[in-house]
Amino acid sequence: MGLCSDTANLGSTIAKGSDVGVMVLCPPSFSGSALGAQPMLPQDFTIVMQQLSNQQYGSLQLLTDVMPGSATFFHELFHLVLGSENTPPGGSEIYGLDNCLKLPFDTAVNNPESYVFMA
C-alpha cells in the first residue's frame, strides 16, 4: 500500500536524507473538491462592504471555501524548501486559517500551512 492508497492523503514530501527532494501529489490534490473548494463568485464591492459593516456574513464566501487545488502543491513545496523536521512540536502540523492565525510566531514560521494562507 502506498501513500496515495489512502484517499485522505493529498501529498507528501521527502526532503531529508537525500541530495534530491521528492514531492508526491496524490490524485485528490488535483481536484479543488478535495479541499472543499467552491467556484469563486463575483461580488459587488459596495454590497460586500455593507454586509461586512452590518455583520451579515451569510451570502459572503469564506477564504476557506475557495481554497485552490494548488494549495497542496504549495504546502508540499514549503516542506521541500524548509524540510519537515522543524514542523510544529511533535510533527503535528496546524491546518485551517483560523488555527494558523492563532499560532505563535515561532510555530507559524515552521508550519507549511501558514505559508499557504499568507502567500
PDB file of N, CA and C in Angstrom:
ATOM      1  N   MET A   1       0.846  -1.190   0.000  1.00  0.00           N
ATOM      2  CA  MET A   1       0.000   0.000   0.000  1.00  0.00           C
ATOM      3  C   MET A   1       0.890   1.252   0.000  1.00  0.00           C
ATOM      4  N   GLY A   2       0.604   2.136  -0.895  1.00  0.00           N
ATOM      5  CA  GLY A   2       1.383   3.358  -0.984  1.00  0.00           C
ATOM      6  C   GLY A   2       0.692   4.529  -0.311  1.00  0.00           C
ATOM      7  N   LEU A   3       1.378   5.631  -0.281  1.00  0.00           N
ATOM      8  CA  LEU A   3       0.868   6.853   0.341  1.00  0.00           C
ATOM      9  C   LEU A   3      -0.493   7.247  -0.210  1.00  0.00           C
ATOM     10  N   CYS A   4      -0.641   7.164  -1.511  1.00  0.00           N
ATOM     11  CA  CYS A   4      -1.868   7.642  -2.152  1.00  0.00           C
ATOM     12  C   CYS A   4      -3.011   6.629  -2.104  1.00  0.00           C
ATOM     13  N   SER A   5      -2.774   5.443  -1.547  1.00  0.00           N
ATOM     14  CA  SER A   5      -3.866   4.472  -1.438  1.00  0.00           C
ATOM     15  C   SER A   5      -4.902   4.924  -0.407  1.00  0.00           C
ATOM     16  N   ASP A   6      -4.482   5.777   0.528  1.00  0.00           N
ATOM     17  CA  ASP A   6      -5.418   6.377   1.484  1.00  0.00           C
ATOM     18  C   ASP A   6      -5.936   7.668   0.856  1.00  0.00           C
ATOM     19  N   THR A   7      -7.219   7.715   0.522  1.00  0.00           N
ATOM     20  CA  THR A   7      -7.770   8.873  -0.199  1.00  0.00           C
ATOM     21  C   THR A   7      -7.770  10.150   0.629  1.00  0.00           C
ATOM     22  N   ALA A   8      -7.489  10.045   1.930  1.00  0.00           N
ATOM     23  CA  ALA A   8      -7.397  11.245   2.767  1.00  0.00           C
ATOM     24  C   ALA A   8      -6.063  11.963   2.553  1.00  0.00           C
ATOM     25  N   ASN A   9      -5.065  11.261   2.017  1.00  0.00           N
ATOM     26  CA  ASN A   9      -3.757  11.864   1.771  1.00  0.00           C
ATOM     27  C   ASN A   9      -3.779  12.660   0.472  1.00  0.00           C
ATOM     28  N   LEU A  10      -3.343  13.914   0.568  1.00  0.00           N
ATOM     29  CA  LEU A  10      -3.258  14.747  -0.621  1.00  0.00           C
ATOM     30  C   LEU A  10      -1.842  14.792  -1.176  1.00  0.00           C
ATOM     31  N   GLY A  11      -0.849  14.597  -0.300  1.00  0.00           N
ATOM     32  CA  GLY A  11       0.528  14.620  -0.763  1.00  0.00           C
ATOM     33  C   GLY A  11       1.503  14.440   0.369  1.00  0.00           C
ATOM     34  N   SER A  12       2.777  14.341   0.001  1.00  0.00           N
ATOM     35  CA  SER A  12       3.839  14.195   0.988  1.00  0.00           C
ATOM     36  C   SER A  12       5.146  14.627   0.352  1.00  0.00           C
ATOM     37  N   THR A  13       6.111  14.997   1.199  1.00  0.00           N
ATOM     38  CA  THR A  13       7.423  15.412   0.713  1.00  0.00           C
ATOM     39  C   THR A  13       8.510  14.738   1.526  1.00  0.00           C
ATOM     40  N   ILE A  14       9.529  14.267   0.850  1.00  0.00           N
ATOM     41  CA  ILE A  14      10.703  13.707   1.497  1.00  0.00           C
ATOM     42  C   ILE A  14      11.856  14.626   1.127  1.00  0.00           C
ATOM     43  N   ALA A  15      12.356  15.354   2.109  1.00  0.00           N
ATOM     44  CA  ALA A  15      13.403  16.327   1.827  1.00  0.00           C
ATOM     45  C   ALA A  15      14.690  16.008   2.568  1.00  0.00           C
ATOM     46  N   LYS A  16      14.648  15.057   3.505  1.00  0.00           N
ATOM     47  CA  LYS A  16      15.811  14.769   4.338  1.00  0.00           C
ATOM     48  C   LYS A  16      16.462  13.451   3.909  1.00  0.00           C
ATOM     49  N   GLY A  17      17.777  13.400   4.019  1.00  0.00           N
ATOM     50  CA  GLY A  17      18.492  12.166   3.746  1.00  0.00           C
ATOM     51  C   GLY A  17      18.780  11.920   2.280  1.00  0.00           C
ATOM     52  N   SER A  18      18.610  12.916   1.463  1.00  0.00           N
ATOM     53  CA  SER A  18      18.868  12.756   0.041  1.00  0.00           C
ATOM     54  C   SER A  18      19.336  14.084  -0.534  1.00  0.00           C
ATOM     55  N   ASP A  19      20.131  14.003  -1.592  1.00  0.00           N
ATOM     56  CA  ASP A  19      20.543  15.237  -2.265  1.00  0.00           C
ATOM     57  C   ASP A  19      19.396  15.834  -3.064  1.00  0.00           C
ATOM     58  N   VAL A  20      18.417  14.988  -3.385  1.00  0.00           N
ATOM     59  CA  VAL A  20      17.279  15.425  -4.182  1.00  0.00           C
ATOM     60  C   VAL A  20      16.007  15.192  -3.387  1.00  0.00           C
ATOM     61  N   GLY A  21      15.214  16.233  -3.205  1.00  0.00           N
ATOM     62  CA  GLY A  21      13.937  16.089  -2.517  1.00  0.00           C
ATOM     63  C   GLY A  21      12.894  15.487  -3.442  1.00  0.00           C
ATOM     64  N   VAL A  22      11.935  14.825  -2.837  1.00  0.00           N
ATOM     65  CA  VAL A  22      10.859  14.206  -3.608  1.00  0.00           C
ATOM     66  C   VAL A  22       9.527  14.695  -3.076  1.00  0.00           C
ATOM     67  N   MET A  23       8.693  15.163  -3.987  1.00  0.00           N
ATOM     68  CA  MET A  23       7.366  15.634  -3.622  1.00  0.00           C
ATOM     69  C   MET A  23       6.353  14.756  -4.344  1.00  0.00           C
ATOM     70  N   VAL A  24       5.416  14.165  -3.576  1.00  0.00           N
ATOM     71  CA  VAL A  24       4.379  13.315  -4.146  1.00  0.00           C
ATOM     72  C   VAL A  24       3.044  14.016  -3.979  1.00  0.00           C
ATOM     73  N   LEU A  25       2.330  14.193  -5.078  1.00  0.00           N
ATOM     74  CA  LEU A  25       0.981  14.748  -5.031  1.00  0.00           C
ATOM     75  C   LEU A  25       0.015  13.641  -5.439  1.00  0.00           C
ATOM     76  N   CYS A  26      -0.909  13.310  -4.549  1.00  0.00           N
ATOM     77  CA  CYS A  26      -1.873  12.245  -4.813  1.00  0.00           C
ATOM     78  C   CYS A  26      -3.002  12.770  -5.695  1.00  0.00           C
ATOM     79  N   PRO A  27      -3.667  11.882  -6.452  1.00  0.00           N
ATOM     80  CA  PRO A  27      -4.730  12.317  -7.366  1.00  0.00           C
ATOM     81  C   PRO A  27      -5.778  13.264  -6.769  1.00  0.00           C
ATOM     82  N   PRO A  28      -6.236  13.060  -5.517  1.00  0.00           N
ATOM     83  CA  PRO A  28      -7.240  14.009  -4.990  1.00  0.00           C
ATOM     84  C   PRO A  28      -6.748  15.459  -4.892  1.00  0.00           C
ATOM     85  N   SER A  29      -5.411  15.656  -4.854  1.00  0.00           N
ATOM     86  CA  SER A  29      -4.898  17.031  -4.743  1.00  0.00           C
ATOM     87  C   SER A  29      -5.100  17.826  -6.024  1.00  0.00           C
ATOM     88  N   PHE A  30      -5.435  17.127  -7.122  1.00  0.00           N
ATOM     89  CA  PHE A  30      -5.656  17.821  -8.384  1.00  0.00           C
ATOM     90  C   PHE A  30      -7.107  18.236  -8.572  1.00  0.00           C
ATOM     91  N   SER A  31      -7.910  17.971  -7.569  1.00  0.00           N
ATOM     92  CA  SER A  31      -9.319  18.341  -7.616  1.00  0.00           C
ATOM     93  C   SER A  31      -9.584  19.346  -6.507  1.00  0.00           C
ATOM     94  N   GLY A  32     -10.094  20.508  -6.875  1.00  0.00           N
ATOM     95  CA  GLY A  32     -10.427  21.515  -5.860  1.00  0.00           C
ATOM     96  C   GLY A  32     -11.389  20.976  -4.827  1.00  0.00           C
ATOM     97  N   SER A  33     -12.205  20.002  -5.224  1.00  0.00           N
ATOM     98  CA  SER A  33     -13.189  19.471  -4.292  1.00  0.00           C
ATOM     99  C   SER A  33     -12.530  18.716  -3.142  1.00  0.00           C
ATOM    100  N   ALA A  34     -11.286  18.276  -3.318  1.00  0.00           N
ATOM    101  CA  ALA A  34     -10.588  17.581  -2.236  1.00  0.00           C
ATOM    102  C   ALA A  34     -10.413  18.497  -1.037  1.00  0.00           C
ATOM    103  N   LEU A  35     -10.305  19.776  -1.292  1.00  0.00           N
ATOM    104  CA  LEU A  35     -10.155  20.744  -0.211  1.00  0.00           C
ATOM    105  C   LEU A  35     -11.484  21.414   0.123  1.00  0.00           C
ATOM    106  N   GLY A  36     -12.551  20.941  -0.468  1.00  0.00           N
ATOM    107  CA  GLY A  36     -13.861  21.536  -0.226  1.00  0.00           C
ATOM    108  C   GLY A  36     -14.060  22.830  -0.990  1.00  0.00           C
ATOM    109  N   ALA A  37     -13.238  23.056  -2.018  1.00  0.00           N
ATOM    110  CA  ALA A  37     -13.301  24.325  -2.741  1.00  0.00           C
ATOM    111  C   ALA A  37     -14.581  24.448  -3.555  1.00  0.00           C
ATOM    112  N   GLN A  38     -15.026  25.663  -3.665  1.00  0.00           N
ATOM    113  CA  GLN A  38     -16.191  26.010  -4.466  1.00  0.00           C
ATOM    114  C   GLN A  38     -15.757  27.078  -5.458  1.00  0.00           C
ATOM    115  N   PRO A  39     -16.445  27.199  -6.583  1.00  0.00           N
ATOM    116  CA  PRO A  39     -16.084  28.278  -7.509  1.00  0.00           C
ATOM    117  C   PRO A  39     -16.221  29.640  -6.826  1.00  0.00           C
ATOM    118  N   MET A  40     -15.302  30.528  -7.126  1.00  0.00           N
ATOM    119  CA  MET A  40     -15.367  31.869  -6.554  1.00  0.00           C
ATOM    120  C   MET A  40     -16.439  32.672  -7.284  1.00  0.00           C
ATOM    121  N   LEU A  41     -17.316  33.262  -6.535  1.00  0.00           N
ATOM    122  CA  LEU A  41     -18.412  34.028  -7.112  1.00  0.00           C
ATOM    123  C   LEU A  41     -18.079  35.510  -7.134  1.00  0.00           C
ATOM    124  N   PRO A  42     -18.387  36.194  -8.223  1.00  0.00           N
ATOM    125  CA  PRO A  42     -18.143  37.641  -8.242  1.00  0.00           C
ATOM    126  C   PRO A  42     -19.051  38.340  -7.233  1.00  0.00           C
ATOM    127  N   GLN A  43     -18.513  39.324  -6.579  1.00  0.00           N
ATOM    128  CA  GLN A  43     -19.275  40.066  -5.574  1.00  0.00           C
ATOM    129  C   GLN A  43     -19.139  41.559  -5.853  1.00  0.00           C
ATOM    130  N   ASP A  44     -20.215  42.296  -5.693  1.00  0.00           N
ATOM    131  CA  ASP A  44     -20.185  43.747  -5.833  1.00  0.00           C
ATOM    132  C   ASP A  44     -19.537  44.328  -4.572  1.00  0.00           C
ATOM    133  N   PHE A  45     -18.469  45.112  -4.752  1.00  0.00           N
ATOM    134  CA  PHE A  45     -17.702  45.639  -3.621  1.00  0.00           C
ATOM    135  C   PHE A  45     -18.576  46.420  -2.645  1.00  0.00           C
ATOM    136  N   THR A  46     -19.464  47.261  -3.153  1.00  0.00           N
ATOM    137  CA  THR A  46     -20.314  48.084  -2.288  1.00  0.00           C
ATOM    138  C   THR A  46     -21.213  47.203  -1.424  1.00  0.00           C
ATOM    139  N   ILE A  47     -21.789  46.175  -2.030  1.00  0.00           N
ATOM    140  CA  ILE A  47     -22.674  45.275  -1.286  1.00  0.00           C
ATOM    141  C   ILE A  47     -21.875  44.490  -0.241  1.00  0.00           C
ATOM    142  N   VAL A  48     -20.691  44.039  -0.622  1.00  0.00           N
ATOM    143  CA  VAL A  48     -19.850  43.304   0.328  1.00  0.00           C
ATOM    144  C   VAL A  48     -19.525  44.178   1.529  1.00  0.00           C
ATOM    145  N   MET A  49     -19.156  45.432   1.289  1.00  0.00           N
ATOM    146  CA  MET A  49     -18.805  46.336   2.390  1.00  0.00           C
ATOM    147  C   MET A  49     -20.010  46.599   3.297  1.00  0.00           C
ATOM    148  N   GLN A  50     -21.193  46.721   2.713  1.00  0.00           N
ATOM    149  CA  GLN A  50     -22.399  46.910   3.522  1.00  0.00           C
ATOM    150  C   GLN A  50     -22.660  45.678   4.385  1.00  0.00           C
ATOM    151  N   GLN A  51     -22.515  44.501   3.790  1.00  0.00           N
ATOM    152  CA  GLN A  51     -22.738  43.273   4.545  1.00  0.00           C
ATOM    153  C   GLN A  51     -21.736  43.132   5.681  1.00  0.00           C
ATOM    154  N   LEU A  52     -20.493  43.470   5.414  1.00  0.00           N
ATOM    155  CA  LEU A  52     -19.478  43.387   6.461  1.00  0.00           C
ATOM    156  C   LEU A  52     -19.755  44.366   7.590  1.00  0.00           C
ATOM    157  N   SER A  53     -20.123  45.594   7.247  1.00  0.00           N
ATOM    158  CA  SER A  53     -20.384  46.590   8.281  1.00  0.00           C
ATOM    159  C   SER A  53     -21.614  46.238   9.114  1.00  0.00           C
ATOM    160  N   ASN A  54     -22.554  45.505   8.522  1.00  0.00           N
ATOM    161  CA  ASN A  54     -23.747  45.077   9.251  1.00  0.00           C
ATOM    162  C   ASN A  54     -23.605  43.675   9.837  1.00  0.00           C
ATOM    163  N   GLN A  55     -22.399  43.101   9.727  1.00  0.00           N
ATOM    164  CA  GLN A  55     -22.104  41.750  10.212  1.00  0.00           C
ATOM    165  C   GLN A  55     -23.071  40.712   9.636  1.00  0.00           C
ATOM    166  N   GLN A  56     -23.374  40.861   8.345  1.00  0.00           N
ATOM    167  CA  GLN A  56     -24.220  39.906   7.627  1.00  0.00           C
ATOM    168  C   GLN A  56     -23.318  39.080   6.720  1.00  0.00           C
ATOM    169  N   TYR A  57     -22.855  37.959   7.219  1.00  0.00           N
ATOM    170  CA  TYR A  57     -21.867  37.167   6.504  1.00  0.00           C
ATOM    171  C   TYR A  57     -22.471  36.027   5.694  1.00  0.00           C
ATOM    172  N   GLY A  58     -23.771  35.792   5.812  1.00  0.00           N
ATOM    173  CA  GLY A  58     -24.416  34.631   5.205  1.00  0.00           C
ATOM    174  C   GLY A  58     -24.147  34.422   3.730  1.00  0.00           C
ATOM    175  N   SER A  59     -24.182  35.479   2.924  1.00  0.00           N
ATOM    176  CA  SER A  59     -24.027  35.304   1.477  1.00  0.00           C
ATOM    177  C   SER A  59     -22.583  35.505   1.007  1.00  0.00           C
ATOM    178  N   LEU A  60     -21.679  35.816   1.930  1.00  0.00           N
ATOM    179  CA  LEU A  60     -20.283  36.025   1.546  1.00  0.00           C
ATOM    180  C   LEU A  60     -19.527  34.706   1.531  1.00  0.00           C
ATOM    181  N   GLN A  61     -18.570  34.588   0.638  1.00  0.00           N
ATOM    182  CA  GLN A  61     -17.738  33.389   0.585  1.00  0.00           C
ATOM    183  C   GLN A  61     -16.552  33.544   1.519  1.00  0.00           C
ATOM    184  N   LEU A  62     -16.241  32.484   2.215  1.00  0.00           N
ATOM    185  CA  LEU A  62     -15.087  32.475   3.096  1.00  0.00           C
ATOM    186  C   LEU A  62     -13.848  32.062   2.309  1.00  0.00           C
ATOM    187  N   LEU A  63     -12.699  32.545   2.735  1.00  0.00           N
ATOM    188  CA  LEU A  63     -11.449  32.172   2.089  1.00  0.00           C
ATOM    189  C   LEU A  63     -11.285  30.656   2.065  1.00  0.00           C
ATOM    190  N   THR A  64     -11.652  30.000   3.143  1.00  0.00           N
ATOM    191  CA  THR A  64     -11.505  28.547   3.211  1.00  0.00           C
ATOM    192  C   THR A  64     -12.419  27.826   2.228  1.00  0.00           C
ATOM    193  N   ASP A  65     -13.456  28.499   1.732  1.00  0.00           N
ATOM    194  CA  ASP A  65     -14.367  27.889   0.752  1.00  0.00           C
ATOM    195  C   ASP A  65     -13.815  27.927  -0.674  1.00  0.00           C
ATOM    196  N   VAL A  66     -12.820  28.751  -0.903  1.00  0.00           N
ATOM    197  CA  VAL A  66     -12.282  28.892  -2.258  1.00  0.00           C
ATOM    198  C   VAL A  66     -10.809  28.483  -2.334  1.00  0.00           C
ATOM    199  N   MET A  67     -10.389  27.591  -1.432  1.00  0.00           N
ATOM    200  CA  MET A  67      -9.008  27.101  -1.455  1.00  0.00           C
ATOM    201  C   MET A  67      -8.749  26.378  -2.775  1.00  0.00           C
ATOM    202  N   PRO A  68      -7.755  26.784  -3.515  1.00  0.00           N
ATOM    203  CA  PRO A  68      -7.479  26.117  -4.793  1.00  0.00           C
ATOM    204  C   PRO A  68      -6.787  24.775  -4.582  1.00  0.00           C
ATOM    205  N   GLY A  69      -6.901  23.911  -5.563  1.00  0.00           N
ATOM    206  CA  GLY A  69      -6.208  22.634  -5.511  1.00  0.00           C
ATOM    207  C   GLY A  69      -4.704  22.807  -5.419  1.00  0.00           C
ATOM    208  N   SER A  70      -4.198  23.931  -5.891  1.00  0.00           N
ATOM    209  CA  SER A  70      -2.753  24.178  -5.849  1.00  0.00           C
ATOM    210  C   SER A  70      -2.248  24.388  -4.420  1.00  0.00           C
ATOM    211  N   ALA A  71      -3.143  24.522  -3.463  1.00  0.00           N
ATOM    212  CA  ALA A  71      -2.727  24.712  -2.068  1.00  0.00           C
ATOM    213  C   ALA A  71      -1.900  23.524  -1.581  1.00  0.00           C
ATOM    214  N   THR A  72      -2.235  22.316  -2.008  1.00  0.00           N
ATOM    215  CA  THR A  72      -1.458  21.138  -1.605  1.00  0.00           C
ATOM    216  C   THR A  72      -0.042  21.218  -2.177  1.00  0.00           C
ATOM    217  N   PHE A  73       0.066  21.595  -3.438  1.00  0.00           N
ATOM    218  CA  PHE A  73       1.384  21.752  -4.057  1.00  0.00           C
ATOM    219  C   PHE A  73       2.207  22.779  -3.286  1.00  0.00           C
ATOM    220  N   PHE A  74       1.603  23.906  -2.982  1.00  0.00           N
ATOM    221  CA  PHE A  74       2.288  24.985  -2.271  1.00  0.00           C
ATOM    222  C   PHE A  74       2.736  24.512  -0.891  1.00  0.00           C
ATOM    223  N   HIS A  75       1.859  23.800  -0.180  1.00  0.00           N
ATOM    224  CA  HIS A  75       2.164  23.271   1.148  1.00  0.00           C
ATOM    225  C   HIS A  75       3.375  22.332   1.069  1.00  0.00           C
ATOM    226  N   GLU A  76       3.335  21.405   0.127  1.00  0.00           N
ATOM    227  CA  GLU A  76       4.430  20.444  -0.009  1.00  0.00           C
ATOM    228  C   GLU A  76       5.715  21.127  -0.481  1.00  0.00           C
ATOM    229  N   LEU A  77       5.590  22.169  -1.271  1.00  0.00           N
ATOM    230  CA  LEU A  77       6.760  22.920  -1.721  1.00  0.00           C
ATOM    231  C   LEU A  77       7.499  23.527  -0.532  1.00  0.00           C
ATOM    232  N   PHE A  78       6.768  23.998   0.463  1.00  0.00           N
ATOM    233  CA  PHE A  78       7.428  24.549   1.652  1.00  0.00           C
ATOM    234  C   PHE A  78       8.127  23.457   2.446  1.00  0.00           C
ATOM    235  N   HIS A  79       7.565  22.247   2.471  1.00  0.00           N
ATOM    236  CA  HIS A  79       8.289  21.128   3.085  1.00  0.00           C
ATOM    237  C   HIS A  79       9.583  20.866   2.325  1.00  0.00           C
ATOM    238  N   LEU A  80       9.517  20.929   1.005  1.00  0.00           N
ATOM    239  CA  LEU A  80      10.688  20.671   0.177  1.00  0.00           C
ATOM    240  C   LEU A  80      11.789  21.693   0.454  1.00  0.00           C
ATOM    241  N   VAL A  81      11.408  22.943   0.624  1.00  0.00           N
ATOM    242  CA  VAL A  81      12.383  24.018   0.852  1.00  0.00           C
ATOM    243  C   VAL A  81      12.831  24.076   2.312  1.00  0.00           C
ATOM    244  N   LEU A  82      11.881  23.995   3.244  1.00  0.00           N
ATOM    245  CA  LEU A  82      12.188  24.158   4.667  1.00  0.00           C
ATOM    246  C   LEU A  82      12.499  22.838   5.380  1.00  0.00           C
ATOM    247  N   GLY A  83      12.137  21.717   4.762  1.00  0.00           N
ATOM    248  CA  GLY A  83      12.281  20.430   5.428  1.00  0.00           C
ATOM    249  C   GLY A  83      11.049  20.129   6.256  1.00  0.00           C
ATOM    250  N   SER A  84      11.007  18.942   6.795  1.00  0.00           N
ATOM    251  CA  SER A  84       9.859  18.529   7.588  1.00  0.00           C
ATOM    252  C   SER A  84      10.182  18.371   9.062  1.00  0.00           C
ATOM    253  N   GLU A  85      11.469  18.313   9.381  1.00  0.00           N
ATOM    254  CA  GLU A  85      11.851  18.030  10.760  1.00  0.00           C
ATOM    255  C   GLU A  85      11.529  19.157  11.742  1.00  0.00           C
ATOM    256  N   ASN A  86      11.330  20.376  11.241  1.00  0.00           N
ATOM    257  CA  ASN A  86      11.057  21.502  12.140  1.00  0.00           C
ATOM    258  C   ASN A  86       9.591  21.912  12.168  1.00  0.00           C
ATOM    259  N   THR A  87       8.721  21.072  11.650  1.00  0.00           N
ATOM    260  CA  THR A  87       7.301  21.414  11.712  1.00  0.00           C
ATOM    261  C   THR A  87       6.877  21.468  13.182  1.00  0.00           C
ATOM    262  N   PRO A  88       5.719  22.019  13.479  1.00  0.00           N
ATOM    263  CA  PRO A  88       5.313  22.230  14.867  1.00  0.00           C
ATOM    264  C   PRO A  88       5.549  21.016  15.761  1.00  0.00           C
ATOM    265  N   PRO A  89       5.683  21.266  17.060  1.00  0.00           N
ATOM    266  CA  PRO A  89       6.056  20.221  18.029  1.00  0.00           C
ATOM    267  C   PRO A  89       5.331  18.902  17.800  1.00  0.00           C
ATOM    268  N   GLY A  90       6.099  17.828  17.846  1.00  0.00           N
ATOM    269  CA  GLY A  90       5.526  16.505  17.666  1.00  0.00           C
ATOM    270  C   GLY A  90       5.242  16.177  16.216  1.00  0.00           C
ATOM    271  N   GLY A  91       5.655  17.060  15.296  1.00  0.00           N
ATOM    272  CA  GLY A  91       5.404  16.820  13.881  1.00  0.00           C
ATOM    273  C   GLY A  91       3.950  17.018  13.486  1.00  0.00           C
ATOM    274  N   SER A  92       3.152  17.525  14.401  1.00  0.00           N
ATOM    275  CA  SER A  92       1.720  17.723  14.091  1.00  0.00           C
ATOM    276  C   SER A  92       1.523  19.108  13.501  1.00  0.00           C
ATOM    277  N   GLU A  93       1.300  19.139  12.208  1.00  0.00           N
ATOM    278  CA  GLU A  93       1.094  20.419  11.536  1.00  0.00           C
ATOM    279  C   GLU A  93      -0.263  20.992  11.903  1.00  0.00           C
ATOM    280  N   ILE A  94      -0.364  22.291  11.778  1.00  0.00           N
ATOM    281  CA  ILE A  94      -1.598  23.000  12.088  1.00  0.00           C
ATOM    282  C   ILE A  94      -2.258  23.375  10.768  1.00  0.00           C
ATOM    283  N   TYR A  95      -3.535  23.039  10.629  1.00  0.00           N
ATOM    284  CA  TYR A  95      -4.295  23.324   9.412  1.00  0.00           C
ATOM    285  C   TYR A  95      -5.452  24.259   9.718  1.00  0.00           C
ATOM    286  N   GLY A  96      -5.968  24.905   8.701  1.00  0.00           N
ATOM    287  CA  GLY A  96      -7.125  25.783   8.839  1.00  0.00           C
ATOM    288  C   GLY A  96      -6.699  27.218   9.099  1.00  0.00           C
ATOM    289  N   LEU A  97      -7.332  28.144   8.403  1.00  0.00           N
ATOM    290  CA  LEU A  97      -6.973  29.552   8.507  1.00  0.00           C
ATOM    291  C   LEU A  97      -7.065  30.068   9.939  1.00  0.00           C
ATOM    292  N   ASP A  98      -8.171  29.797  10.620  1.00  0.00           N
ATOM    293  CA  ASP A  98      -8.338  30.283  11.998  1.00  0.00           C
ATOM    294  C   ASP A  98      -7.228  29.775  12.902  1.00  0.00           C
ATOM    295  N   ASN A  99      -6.895  28.494  12.773  1.00  0.00           N
ATOM    296  CA  ASN A  99      -5.840  27.906  13.607  1.00  0.00           C
ATOM    297  C   ASN A  99      -4.472  28.504  13.279  1.00  0.00           C
ATOM    298  N   CYS A 100      -4.197  28.710  12.004  1.00  0.00           N
ATOM    299  CA  CYS A 100      -2.904  29.276  11.604  1.00  0.00           C
ATOM    300  C   CYS A 100      -2.741  30.715  12.103  1.00  0.00           C
ATOM    301  N   LEU A 101      -3.818  31.469  12.094  1.00  0.00           N
ATOM    302  CA  LEU A 101      -3.743  32.863  12.556  1.00  0.00           C
ATOM    303  C   LEU A 101      -3.494  32.965  14.061  1.00  0.00           C
ATOM    304  N   LYS A 102      -3.819  31.922  14.799  1.00  0.00           N
ATOM    305  CA  LYS A 102      -3.645  31.930  16.261  1.00  0.00           C
ATOM    306  C   LYS A 102      -2.283  31.421  16.707  1.00  0.00           C
ATOM    307  N   LEU A 103      -1.482  30.940  15.777  1.00  0.00           N
ATOM    308  CA  LEU A 103      -0.193  30.362  16.148  1.00  0.00           C
ATOM    309  C   LEU A 103       0.798  31.417  16.612  1.00  0.00           C
ATOM    310  N   PRO A 104       1.595  31.091  17.626  1.00  0.00           N
ATOM    311  CA  PRO A 104       2.696  31.999  17.984  1.00  0.00           C
ATOM    312  C   PRO A 104       3.711  32.030  16.842  1.00  0.00           C
ATOM    313  N   PHE A 105       4.434  33.111  16.718  1.00  0.00           N
ATOM    314  CA  PHE A 105       5.353  33.318  15.604  1.00  0.00           C
ATOM    315  C   PHE A 105       6.301  32.143  15.406  1.00  0.00           C
ATOM    316  N   ASP A 106       6.927  31.663  16.504  1.00  0.00           N
ATOM    317  CA  ASP A 106       7.910  30.590  16.401  1.00  0.00           C
ATOM    318  C   ASP A 106       7.323  29.308  15.814  1.00  0.00           C
ATOM    319  N   THR A 107       6.050  29.074  16.048  1.00  0.00           N
ATOM    320  CA  THR A 107       5.395  27.892  15.484  1.00  0.00           C
ATOM    321  C   THR A 107       4.950  28.166  14.053  1.00  0.00           C
ATOM    322  N   ALA A 108       4.415  29.357  13.816  1.00  0.00           N
ATOM    323  CA  ALA A 108       3.892  29.710  12.487  1.00  0.00           C
ATOM    324  C   ALA A 108       4.966  29.643  11.400  1.00  0.00           C
ATOM    325  N   VAL A 109       6.180  30.070  11.714  1.00  0.00           N
ATOM    326  CA  VAL A 109       7.233  30.091  10.689  1.00  0.00           C
ATOM    327  C   VAL A 109       7.708  28.692  10.306  1.00  0.00           C
ATOM    328  N   ASN A 110       7.359  27.695  11.092  1.00  0.00           N
ATOM    329  CA  ASN A 110       7.730  26.315  10.773  1.00  0.00           C
ATOM    330  C   ASN A 110       6.533  25.486  10.319  1.00  0.00           C
ATOM    331  N   ASN A 111       5.392  26.114  10.161  1.00  0.00           N
ATOM    332  CA  ASN A 111       4.168  25.421   9.768  1.00  0.00           C
ATOM    333  C   ASN A 111       3.864  25.707   8.304  1.00  0.00           C
ATOM    334  N   PRO A 112       4.018  24.709   7.417  1.00  0.00           N
ATOM    335  CA  PRO A 112       3.812  24.956   5.984  1.00  0.00           C
ATOM    336  C   PRO A 112       2.453  25.549   5.638  1.00  0.00           C
ATOM    337  N   GLU A 113       1.424  25.147   6.333  1.00  0.00           N
ATOM    338  CA  GLU A 113       0.085  25.650   6.018  1.00  0.00           C
ATOM    339  C   GLU A 113      -0.034  27.150   6.270  1.00  0.00           C
ATOM    340  N   SER A 114       0.748  27.676   7.204  1.00  0.00           N
ATOM    341  CA  SER A 114       0.761  29.126   7.449  1.00  0.00           C
ATOM    342  C   SER A 114       1.178  29.881   6.194  1.00  0.00           C
ATOM    343  N   TYR A 115       2.173  29.342   5.489  1.00  0.00           N
ATOM    344  CA  TYR A 115       2.626  29.976   4.259  1.00  0.00           C
ATOM    345  C   TYR A 115       1.576  29.900   3.151  1.00  0.00           C
ATOM    346  N   VAL A 116       0.841  28.810   3.129  1.00  0.00           N
ATOM    347  CA  VAL A 116      -0.225  28.662   2.119  1.00  0.00           C
ATOM    348  C   VAL A 116      -1.222  29.802   2.244  1.00  0.00           C
ATOM    349  N   PHE A 117      -1.601  30.126   3.479  1.00  0.00           N
ATOM    350  CA  PHE A 117      -2.600  31.182   3.676  1.00  0.00           C
ATOM    351  C   PHE A 117      -2.023  32.582   3.567  1.00  0.00           C
ATOM    352  N   MET A 118      -0.761  32.736   3.858  1.00  0.00           N
ATOM    353  CA  MET A 118      -0.197  34.083   3.912  1.00  0.00           C
ATOM    354  C   MET A 118       0.529  34.516   2.647  1.00  0.00           C
ATOM    355  N   ALA A 119       0.623  33.608   1.683  1.00  0.00           N
ATOM    356  CA  ALA A 119       1.346  33.957   0.443  1.00  0.00           C
ATOM    357  C   ALA A 119       0.470  34.811  -0.465  1.00  0.00           C
TER     358      ALA A 119
END
